[in-house]
Protein backbone atom coordinates (compact mmCIF):
# COMPACT_ATOMS: atom_id res chain seq x y z
CA UNK A 1 143.38 117.68 90.59
CA UNK A 2 141.49 119.43 93.42
CA UNK A 3 144.54 120.06 95.63
CA UNK A 4 144.27 123.50 97.20
CA UNK A 5 140.74 124.06 95.83
CA UNK A 6 138.04 125.20 98.25
CA UNK A 7 134.69 123.42 98.09
CA UNK A 8 131.61 124.84 99.83
CA UNK A 9 129.26 121.86 100.30
CA UNK A 10 125.78 122.17 101.83
CA UNK A 11 124.50 119.17 103.79
CA UNK A 12 128.03 117.73 104.01
CA UNK A 13 127.76 116.26 107.49
CA UNK A 14 126.51 112.93 106.13
CA UNK A 15 125.42 111.00 103.04
CA UNK A 16 126.12 112.20 99.51
CA UNK A 17 127.52 115.58 100.57
CA UNK A 18 130.08 113.97 102.87
CA UNK A 19 131.02 111.39 100.21
CA UNK A 20 131.79 114.17 97.71
CA UNK A 21 133.79 115.99 100.41
CA UNK A 22 135.88 112.91 101.23
CA UNK A 23 136.62 112.28 97.55
CA UNK A 24 137.94 115.84 97.16
CA UNK A 25 139.79 115.65 100.49
CA UNK A 26 141.96 112.82 99.12
CA UNK A 27 143.38 115.36 96.66
CA UNK A 28 144.13 117.76 99.49
CA UNK A 29 141.15 120.07 98.98
CA UNK A 30 139.71 122.52 101.51
CA UNK A 31 136.14 121.63 102.48
CA UNK A 32 133.61 124.01 103.98
CA UNK A 33 131.05 121.77 105.71
CA UNK A 34 127.91 123.93 105.57
CA UNK A 35 125.30 121.92 107.47
CA UNK A 36 122.99 122.40 110.43
CA UNK A 37 123.86 119.33 112.53
CA UNK A 38 126.19 120.61 115.25
CA UNK A 39 124.86 118.28 117.98
CA UNK A 40 124.39 114.53 117.47
CA UNK A 41 120.96 113.71 116.03
CA UNK A 42 118.94 111.05 117.90
CA UNK A 43 118.57 108.86 114.79
CA UNK A 44 120.84 110.28 112.05
CA UNK A 45 124.62 109.71 112.10
CA UNK A 46 127.25 112.43 112.01
CA UNK A 47 127.73 116.12 112.78
CA UNK A 48 129.70 118.87 111.03
CA UNK A 49 132.52 118.15 113.51
CA UNK A 50 132.71 114.37 112.99
CA UNK A 51 132.64 115.02 109.22
CA UNK A 52 135.51 117.50 109.65
CA UNK A 53 137.58 114.83 111.44
CA UNK A 54 137.00 112.36 108.59
CA UNK A 55 137.87 114.97 105.94
CA UNK A 56 141.15 115.86 107.64
CA UNK A 57 141.99 112.18 108.13
CA UNK A 58 141.48 111.72 104.36
CA UNK A 59 144.02 114.45 103.59
CA UNK A 60 141.93 117.61 103.29
CA UNK A 61 141.40 120.71 105.39
CA UNK A 62 137.98 121.20 106.95
CA UNK A 63 135.99 124.21 108.08
CA UNK A 64 132.77 123.14 109.85
CA UNK A 65 130.11 125.88 109.71
CA UNK A 66 126.63 125.74 111.24
CA UNK A 67 124.40 126.54 108.28
CA UNK A 68 120.67 126.08 107.90
CA UNK A 69 120.18 127.06 104.24
CA UNK A 70 116.75 128.44 105.17
CA UNK A 71 118.59 131.25 106.99
CA UNK A 72 120.26 133.64 104.51
CA UNK A 73 122.48 135.29 107.14
CA UNK A 74 123.92 131.90 108.15
CA UNK A 75 124.84 131.27 104.51
CA UNK A 76 126.47 134.69 104.17
CA UNK A 77 128.40 134.25 107.44
CA UNK A 78 129.74 130.85 106.34
CA UNK A 79 130.78 132.18 102.92
CA UNK A 80 132.64 135.09 104.54
CA UNK A 81 134.34 132.71 106.99
CA UNK A 82 135.36 130.39 104.11
CA UNK A 83 136.91 133.25 102.13
CA UNK A 84 138.72 134.55 105.22
CA UNK A 85 140.04 131.06 106.06
CA UNK A 86 140.97 129.73 102.61
CA UNK A 87 141.24 132.88 100.49
CA UNK A 88 138.29 132.18 98.21
CA UNK A 89 135.76 129.61 96.96
CA UNK A 90 136.32 127.49 93.83
CA UNK A 91 133.41 125.05 93.94
CA UNK A 92 129.88 125.09 95.34
CA UNK A 93 127.95 121.85 95.77
CA UNK A 94 124.25 122.42 96.50
CA UNK A 95 123.48 119.08 98.13
CA UNK A 96 121.18 120.00 101.05
CA UNK A 97 117.66 118.77 100.34
CA UNK A 98 114.32 118.00 102.00
CA UNK A 99 111.85 115.33 100.89
CA UNK A 100 108.23 114.36 101.53
CA UNK A 101 106.73 111.86 99.09
CA UNK A 102 103.13 112.86 99.74
CA UNK A 103 100.17 113.98 97.65
CA UNK A 104 98.82 117.52 97.55
CA UNK A 105 96.14 117.03 100.22
CA UNK A 106 98.44 114.99 102.48
CA UNK A 107 101.38 117.42 102.46
CA UNK A 108 101.29 119.74 105.47
CA UNK A 109 102.03 123.39 104.70
CA UNK A 110 105.12 123.32 106.93
CA UNK A 111 106.53 120.49 104.79
CA UNK A 112 105.77 122.41 101.59
CA UNK A 113 107.60 125.40 103.07
CA UNK A 114 110.52 123.21 104.16
CA UNK A 115 111.00 121.70 100.69
CA UNK A 116 110.68 125.01 98.88
CA UNK A 117 112.95 126.79 101.39
CA UNK A 118 115.71 124.17 101.44
CA UNK A 119 115.63 122.86 97.88
CA UNK A 120 114.81 125.94 95.79
CA UNK A 121 115.43 129.03 97.93
CA UNK A 122 118.44 127.54 99.74
CA UNK A 123 120.09 126.54 96.46
CA UNK A 124 119.41 129.95 94.94
CA UNK A 125 120.64 131.97 97.93
CA UNK A 126 123.78 129.86 98.48
CA UNK A 127 124.64 130.20 94.78
CA UNK A 128 124.04 133.95 94.99
CA UNK A 129 126.34 134.30 98.02
CA UNK A 130 129.14 132.22 96.47
CA UNK A 131 129.06 133.55 92.91
CA UNK A 132 131.06 136.77 93.47
CA UNK A 133 133.90 134.61 94.87
CA UNK A 134 133.50 131.82 92.29
CA UNK A 135 133.97 134.35 89.48
CA UNK A 136 137.49 135.03 90.81
CA UNK A 137 138.47 131.34 90.63
CA UNK A 138 140.43 129.83 87.71
CA UNK A 139 138.03 126.93 87.20
CA UNK A 140 134.83 127.57 89.18
CA UNK A 141 131.91 125.14 89.36
CA UNK A 142 128.43 125.01 90.84
CA UNK A 143 127.01 121.50 91.09
CA UNK A 144 123.38 120.96 92.12
CA UNK A 145 122.17 117.52 93.20
CA UNK A 146 118.99 117.74 91.13
CA UNK A 147 117.34 115.79 88.31
CA UNK A 148 116.85 116.39 84.61
CA UNK A 149 113.45 118.06 84.19
CA UNK A 150 111.11 115.35 82.98
CA UNK A 151 107.64 116.83 82.44
CA UNK A 152 105.91 113.44 82.31
CA UNK A 153 102.86 113.98 84.61
CA UNK A 154 103.56 110.74 86.48
CA UNK A 155 106.49 112.44 88.23
CA UNK A 156 104.16 115.11 89.59
CA UNK A 157 100.95 113.31 90.50
CA UNK A 158 102.13 111.41 93.60
CA UNK A 159 104.37 114.08 95.16
CA UNK A 160 103.74 117.40 93.44
CA UNK A 161 105.42 119.66 96.02
CA UNK A 162 108.63 117.58 96.14
CA UNK A 163 108.87 117.47 92.35
CA UNK A 164 108.37 121.24 92.04
CA UNK A 165 111.10 121.84 94.64
CA UNK A 166 113.66 119.54 92.97
CA UNK A 167 112.89 120.94 89.53
CA UNK A 168 113.40 124.40 91.05
CA UNK A 169 117.00 123.38 91.75
CA UNK A 170 117.30 122.19 88.14
CA UNK A 171 115.91 125.48 86.86
CA UNK A 172 118.70 127.23 88.77
CA UNK A 173 121.11 125.19 86.63
CA UNK A 174 119.34 126.19 83.42
CA UNK A 175 119.31 129.88 84.27
CA UNK A 176 122.68 130.30 85.96
CA UNK A 177 124.58 128.19 83.40
CA UNK A 178 123.47 130.62 80.71
CA UNK A 179 123.81 133.74 82.85
CA UNK A 180 127.39 132.95 83.86
CA UNK A 181 128.52 131.11 80.70
CA UNK A 182 132.26 131.56 80.22
CA UNK A 183 132.71 132.54 83.88
CA UNK A 184 131.30 129.74 86.07
CA UNK A 185 130.30 126.20 85.11
CA UNK A 186 126.86 125.23 86.45
CA UNK A 187 125.69 121.61 86.20
CA UNK A 188 123.32 119.11 87.79
CA UNK A 189 124.05 115.55 88.93
CA UNK A 190 121.48 112.83 89.58
CA UNK A 191 121.74 109.08 90.29
CA UNK A 192 120.39 106.45 87.93
CA UNK A 193 119.51 104.20 90.87
CA UNK A 194 118.55 104.75 94.50
CA UNK A 195 121.50 105.67 96.74
CA UNK A 196 121.81 104.30 100.27
CA UNK A 197 121.64 107.22 102.70
CA UNK A 198 120.02 107.86 106.08
CA UNK A 199 117.12 109.44 104.20
CA UNK A 200 116.62 106.28 102.16
CA UNK A 201 116.61 104.20 105.35
CA UNK A 202 113.83 106.40 106.76
CA UNK A 203 111.81 106.19 103.54
CA UNK A 204 112.36 102.52 102.83
CA UNK A 205 112.92 100.86 106.16
CA UNK A 206 115.15 97.90 106.93
CA UNK A 207 116.43 95.93 103.95
CA UNK A 208 116.00 98.74 101.42
CA UNK A 209 119.79 99.13 101.17
CA UNK A 210 120.06 95.89 99.16
CA UNK A 211 118.39 97.70 96.26
CA UNK A 212 120.70 100.72 96.49
CA UNK A 213 124.16 101.81 95.45
CA UNK A 214 126.78 103.40 97.71
CA UNK A 215 127.28 107.16 97.81
CA UNK A 216 130.68 106.50 96.22
CA UNK A 217 129.17 106.45 92.73
CA UNK A 218 127.92 110.03 93.09
CA UNK A 219 131.23 111.12 94.63
CA UNK A 220 133.14 109.69 91.65
CA UNK A 221 130.73 111.27 89.16
CA UNK A 222 130.90 114.63 90.96
CA UNK A 223 134.72 114.47 90.88
CA UNK A 224 134.60 113.92 87.09
CA UNK A 225 132.39 116.99 86.64
CA UNK A 226 134.29 119.27 89.03
CA UNK A 227 137.64 118.53 87.38
CA UNK A 228 136.37 119.39 83.90
CA UNK A 229 136.98 122.87 82.45
CA UNK A 230 134.38 125.57 83.07
CA UNK A 231 133.28 125.23 79.43
CA UNK A 232 131.46 122.06 80.59
CA UNK A 233 128.27 123.77 81.72
CA UNK A 234 124.48 123.54 81.57
CA UNK A 235 124.49 119.72 81.71
CA UNK A 236 122.13 117.39 83.53
CA UNK A 237 124.41 114.47 84.27
CA UNK A 238 123.33 110.95 85.27
CA UNK A 239 126.05 109.29 87.38
CA UNK A 240 126.22 105.93 85.60
CA UNK A 241 126.03 107.44 82.11
CA UNK A 242 128.96 109.80 82.81
CA UNK A 243 131.10 107.12 84.45
CA UNK A 244 130.54 104.74 81.51
CA UNK A 245 131.71 107.53 79.19
CA UNK A 246 134.77 107.91 81.44
CA UNK A 247 135.58 104.21 80.95
CA UNK A 248 134.14 102.64 84.11
CA UNK A 249 132.90 99.10 83.39
CA UNK A 250 132.47 97.44 86.78
CA UNK A 251 129.46 98.93 88.57
CA UNK A 252 129.14 96.05 91.06
CA UNK A 253 131.72 97.86 93.19
CA UNK A 254 129.10 100.55 93.84
CA UNK A 255 126.32 98.14 94.86
CA UNK A 256 125.50 97.58 98.53
CA UNK A 257 124.55 93.99 97.65
CA UNK A 258 126.17 93.04 94.29
CA UNK A 259 123.86 90.93 92.13
CA UNK A 260 120.64 92.31 93.62
CA UNK A 261 118.23 94.24 91.42
CA UNK A 262 118.54 98.00 91.90
CA UNK A 263 115.71 100.46 92.48
CA UNK A 264 115.63 103.18 89.81
CA UNK A 265 115.65 106.75 91.08
CA UNK A 266 112.89 109.30 90.59
CA UNK A 267 112.37 111.34 87.43
CA UNK A 268 114.05 108.86 85.08
CA UNK A 269 111.60 107.03 82.83
CA UNK A 270 112.04 103.26 82.59
CA UNK A 271 111.30 101.58 79.28
CA UNK A 272 108.46 99.07 79.55
CA UNK A 273 109.44 95.44 79.16
CA UNK A 274 107.39 93.97 76.28
CA UNK A 275 107.29 90.61 78.07
CA UNK A 276 105.71 92.28 81.09
CA UNK A 277 103.16 93.98 78.84
CA UNK A 278 102.22 90.64 77.29
CA UNK A 279 101.93 89.11 80.76
CA UNK A 280 99.67 91.98 81.80
CA UNK A 281 97.32 91.40 78.84
CA UNK A 282 97.22 87.66 79.63
CA UNK A 283 96.34 88.34 83.28
CA UNK A 284 93.62 90.78 82.24
CA UNK A 285 92.05 88.06 80.08
CA UNK A 286 92.39 85.51 82.88
CA UNK A 287 90.80 87.91 85.34
CA UNK A 288 87.87 88.62 83.00
CA UNK A 289 87.21 84.95 82.34
CA UNK A 290 87.17 84.08 86.02
CA UNK A 291 84.88 87.01 86.85
CA UNK A 292 82.19 85.76 84.50
CA UNK A 293 79.52 83.30 85.59
CA UNK A 294 78.53 80.14 83.70
CA UNK A 295 75.92 82.07 81.70
CA UNK A 296 78.45 84.76 80.72
CA UNK A 297 77.01 87.35 83.10
CA UNK A 298 79.61 89.37 85.03
CA UNK A 299 79.65 88.76 88.77
CA UNK A 300 78.58 91.87 90.67
CA UNK A 301 81.34 92.65 93.16
CA UNK A 302 79.14 95.08 95.05
CA UNK A 303 76.68 92.39 95.99
CA UNK A 304 77.10 91.18 99.57
CA UNK A 305 76.19 87.67 98.45
CA UNK A 306 78.75 87.62 95.64
CA UNK A 307 82.06 86.21 96.84
CA UNK A 308 84.96 87.74 94.87
CA UNK A 309 86.93 85.34 92.73
CA UNK A 310 89.80 85.51 90.27
CA UNK A 311 93.52 86.31 90.60
CA UNK A 312 93.02 89.09 93.19
CA UNK A 313 90.89 86.89 95.46
CA UNK A 314 93.34 84.02 95.05
CA UNK A 315 96.22 86.33 96.00
CA UNK A 316 94.47 87.40 99.21
CA UNK A 317 93.61 83.77 100.01
CA UNK A 318 97.32 82.85 99.84
CA UNK A 319 98.26 85.91 101.91
CA UNK A 320 95.74 84.91 104.58
CA UNK A 321 97.08 81.36 104.70
CA UNK A 322 100.69 82.58 104.91
CA UNK A 323 99.96 85.05 107.70
CA UNK A 324 102.19 84.55 110.74
CA UNK A 325 102.72 86.26 114.06
CA UNK A 326 106.22 87.13 112.85
CA UNK A 327 104.81 89.10 109.90
CA UNK A 328 102.50 90.94 112.28
CA UNK A 329 105.22 91.64 114.84
CA UNK A 330 107.78 92.87 112.29
CA UNK A 331 105.38 94.98 110.19
CA UNK A 332 102.82 96.53 112.59
CA UNK A 333 100.73 98.11 109.87
CA UNK A 334 97.26 97.95 108.32
CA UNK A 335 97.10 98.23 104.52
CA UNK A 336 94.00 99.06 102.49
CA UNK A 337 93.95 98.47 98.74
CA UNK A 338 91.64 100.32 96.37
CA UNK A 339 91.81 98.26 93.20
CA UNK A 340 90.31 99.18 89.85
CA UNK A 341 89.38 96.77 87.09
CA UNK A 342 88.36 93.13 87.25
CA UNK A 343 88.38 91.67 90.75
CA UNK A 344 88.84 95.15 92.17
CA UNK A 345 87.12 96.99 94.97
CA UNK A 346 88.38 97.50 98.53
CA UNK A 347 90.67 94.86 100.05
CA UNK A 348 92.94 94.86 103.10
CA UNK A 349 95.89 93.26 104.87
CA UNK A 350 95.95 93.69 108.66
CA UNK A 351 99.45 93.16 110.00
CA UNK A 352 98.85 94.92 113.30
CA UNK A 353 95.97 93.11 115.06
CA UNK A 354 96.92 89.87 116.84
CA UNK A 355 97.12 86.98 114.37
CA UNK A 356 96.66 89.27 111.37
CA UNK A 357 94.07 88.93 108.60
CA UNK A 358 93.49 89.71 104.93
CA UNK A 359 90.45 89.82 102.69
CA UNK A 360 87.71 91.69 100.87
CA UNK A 361 86.25 94.93 102.24
CA UNK A 362 87.55 97.54 104.63
CA UNK A 363 90.05 96.55 107.34
CA UNK A 364 88.75 95.93 110.89
CA UNK A 365 90.73 98.97 112.12
CA UNK A 366 91.73 102.23 110.43
CA UNK A 367 94.35 101.68 107.72
CA UNK A 368 97.83 103.16 108.14
CA UNK A 369 98.40 103.04 104.39
CA UNK A 370 95.97 103.20 101.47
CA UNK A 371 97.29 101.94 98.13
CA UNK A 372 95.45 102.53 94.87
CA UNK A 373 96.28 100.65 91.67
CA UNK A 374 94.77 98.39 89.02
CA UNK A 375 93.94 94.83 89.99
CA UNK A 376 96.27 93.60 87.23
CA UNK A 377 99.23 95.52 88.61
CA UNK A 378 98.34 94.38 92.14
CA UNK A 379 98.60 90.72 91.11
CA UNK A 380 101.86 91.42 89.27
CA UNK A 381 103.25 93.18 92.35
CA UNK A 382 102.39 90.31 94.71
CA UNK A 383 103.73 87.66 92.34
CA UNK A 384 107.08 89.37 91.90
CA UNK A 385 106.55 90.58 88.32
CA UNK A 386 106.37 94.25 89.32
CA UNK A 387 108.52 95.82 92.04
CA UNK A 388 106.50 98.04 94.43
CA UNK A 389 109.08 100.84 94.21
CA UNK A 390 108.95 100.80 90.41
CA UNK A 391 105.14 100.69 90.47
CA UNK A 392 105.10 103.77 92.71
CA UNK A 393 107.72 105.68 90.76
CA UNK A 394 106.11 104.93 87.39
CA UNK A 395 102.71 106.15 88.62
CA UNK A 396 101.03 102.72 88.63
CA UNK A 397 100.76 102.76 92.43
CA UNK A 398 99.45 105.67 94.49
CA UNK A 399 100.19 105.67 98.21
CA UNK A 400 98.53 107.67 100.98
CA UNK A 401 99.63 107.45 104.59
CA UNK A 402 102.79 106.06 106.18
CA UNK A 403 105.35 105.77 103.37
CA UNK A 404 107.89 103.85 105.49
CA UNK A 405 105.25 101.21 106.31
CA UNK A 406 104.29 100.97 102.65
CA UNK A 407 107.83 100.15 101.63
CA UNK A 408 108.23 97.76 104.57
CA UNK A 409 105.44 95.66 103.04
CA UNK A 410 107.89 94.78 100.24
CA UNK A 411 109.80 92.57 102.67
CA UNK A 412 106.71 90.42 103.13
CA UNK A 413 106.17 90.29 99.36
CA UNK A 414 109.62 88.79 98.83
CA UNK A 415 108.79 86.01 101.30
CA UNK A 416 105.39 85.40 99.70
CA UNK A 417 106.49 85.35 96.05
CA UNK A 418 107.33 81.64 96.04
CA UNK A 419 103.86 80.78 97.38
CA UNK A 420 102.10 83.09 94.93
């Protein structure tokens, strides 16, 4: 269906962009690889040239172009080169994106600028440069890798700058779909679950891929959108939802580790499990009962003489007993927990100092990560009833500091669940 079509894809040297390119290449499409990686990156795989080799091996024609979407002239030069080489542009995929999952005070200005420049400004300027050529195509499409705009505050409070930048891409869909209705289709595509990319490896650390799907699911969903008529416009498509509508039934083929639970992606609300809510109420009652003394008076946690008790204290006792040199060696991080509610206060897990330790109060050395949540959700998280990623994404868990270390802690949780 895409034979002879020319696709201009930003960030196509690796990950989702390259997956969409390879899918189109199988039809015999022309692919403009508009990405900035011309020389091998020390930690990230692939360059525009290695991607070009793969695209041509898959049956397509490739035009690698060095493009940093922060630089308007580089975009314009690549567009002109694409038109000169292939005679026009039929499809634009705005895939290039920057991410920093940090709070307002923790996000350096240069990272704010990067996300706004790449995600919003880059998408806008690339669309602007391609549109005059897209309007000459028989079935032109712009596809932005951006989410439906969910104005639930929980999607803003932990990473405001990132959310604004991704919603900026989505607002380009809203505006341009209406502005160019009847001429150019403009849509957004977003995954239902986390997708395994180099970026996800950096955010989540080793083992995170087991909770992810392959980039193939987004490539297949993108192909469905890009082969629809231009009357299909202004839609915010979720990959799994579209593919189910198209008749796909087996989604295990997209899983990195079939059978494993999958991490939901950002900006998509997850319905609360009523069983989990009942469990939460039960644990709150249990916590309250264990915090009260024999005479019914509440134990004062702030008192130096008062030894914390209850589910939180019991959890830290088990963690301390389970501490091993292997945990310390493989994690190398100090975690501070600011817990609200019964059994709350400041707690820590030191997986950096020799032997490791865990307990009440501040850690013996400066924490690499500070996590804030309710004591009830903390217990649920450490007993396997609440996934850390879901807790973070649903706003129950706030994280400051080293995000990769925070997610690495999940590996330890999986090993501890049976003991807790």
